[in-house]
């Protein structure tokens, strides 16, 4: 009878080790996803900054007022 609780404890330890291994694999997988998303987010933020600077550099001088703008072709 002394070996039964020992076997049960051994099975629990093995089960915990398996679960830990799976959790570590999931954590590494999620870490890669977060890293890729961070790179993408940084690239997108840089692109937005560039577009904002380009828009600001064109200024409002390039926008015609409603009086200066020609009517649409269907008029």
Protein backbone atom coordinates (compact mmCIF):
# COMPACT_ATOMS: atom_id res chain seq x y z
CA UNK A 1 0.00 0.00 0.00
CA UNK A 2 2.88 2.36 0.50
CA UNK A 3 3.67 2.39 -3.22
CA UNK A 4 0.16 3.49 -4.27
CA UNK A 5 0.35 7.00 -2.80
CA UNK A 6 3.90 7.24 -4.12
CA UNK A 7 2.74 6.32 -7.64
CA UNK A 8 -0.14 8.77 -7.41
CA UNK A 9 2.26 11.52 -6.35
CA UNK A 10 4.64 10.59 -9.19
CA UNK A 11 1.76 10.79 -11.71
CA UNK A 12 0.80 14.22 -10.40
CA UNK A 13 4.37 15.43 -10.73
CA UNK A 14 4.59 14.14 -14.32
CA UNK A 15 1.26 15.79 -15.14
CA UNK A 16 2.47 19.10 -13.71
CA UNK A 17 5.71 18.87 -15.68
CA UNK A 18 3.76 18.26 -18.89
CA UNK A 19 1.49 21.22 -18.17
CA UNK A 20 4.48 23.42 -17.43
CA UNK A 21 6.11 22.44 -20.71
CA UNK A 22 2.95 23.31 -22.65
CA UNK A 23 2.63 26.62 -20.85
CA UNK A 24 6.22 27.50 -21.66
CA UNK A 25 5.59 26.72 -25.33
CA UNK A 26 2.50 28.93 -25.34
CA UNK A 27 4.36 31.76 -23.63
CA UNK A 28 7.15 31.61 -26.21
CA UNK A 29 4.59 31.59 -29.02
CA UNK A 30 2.75 34.58 -27.56
CA UNK A 31 6.04 36.39 -27.02
CA UNK A 32 6.82 36.04 -30.74
CA UNK A 33 3.39 37.41 -31.64
CA UNK A 34 3.82 40.39 -29.33
CA UNK A 35 7.28 41.07 -30.79
CA UNK A 36 5.95 40.99 -34.37
CA UNK A 37 3.03 43.23 -33.45
CA UNK A 38 5.39 45.69 -31.77
CA UNK A 39 7.50 45.86 -34.93
CA UNK A 40 4.40 46.40 -37.06
CA UNK A 41 3.05 49.05 -34.70
CA UNK A 42 6.36 50.91 -34.74
CA UNK A 43 6.43 50.85 -38.54
CA UNK A 44 2.85 52.08 -38.75
CA UNK A 45 3.52 54.88 -36.28
CA UNK A 46 6.53 55.98 -38.33
CA UNK A 47 4.40 55.95 -41.48
CA UNK A 48 1.73 58.07 -39.79
CA UNK A 49 4.39 60.56 -38.68
CA UNK A 50 5.71 60.79 -42.23
CA UNK A 51 2.23 61.31 -43.64
CA UNK A 52 1.47 63.94 -40.99
CA UNK A 53 4.69 65.82 -41.79
CA UNK A 54 3.96 65.63 -45.51
CA UNK A 55 0.44 66.93 -44.97
CA UNK A 56 1.70 69.77 -42.78
CA UNK A 57 4.40 70.68 -45.31
CA UNK A 58 1.85 71.06 -48.10
CA UNK A 59 0.02 73.50 -45.87
CA UNK A 60 -3.33 75.04 -46.48
CA UNK A 61 -1.96 77.13 -49.36
CA UNK A 62 -2.72 74.29 -51.75
CA UNK A 63 -6.40 74.20 -50.77
CA UNK A 64 -8.64 76.42 -52.85
CA UNK A 65 -11.49 78.32 -51.30
CA UNK A 66 -15.01 77.51 -52.42
CA UNK A 67 -15.06 80.73 -54.55
CA UNK A 68 -11.87 79.78 -56.38
CA UNK A 69 -12.81 76.18 -57.01
CA UNK A 70 -14.44 75.36 -60.34
CA UNK A 71 -17.88 73.77 -60.24
CA UNK A 72 -18.19 70.03 -60.70
CA UNK A 73 -18.59 68.75 -64.28
CA UNK A 74 -22.27 67.94 -63.91
CA UNK A 75 -23.23 71.65 -63.59
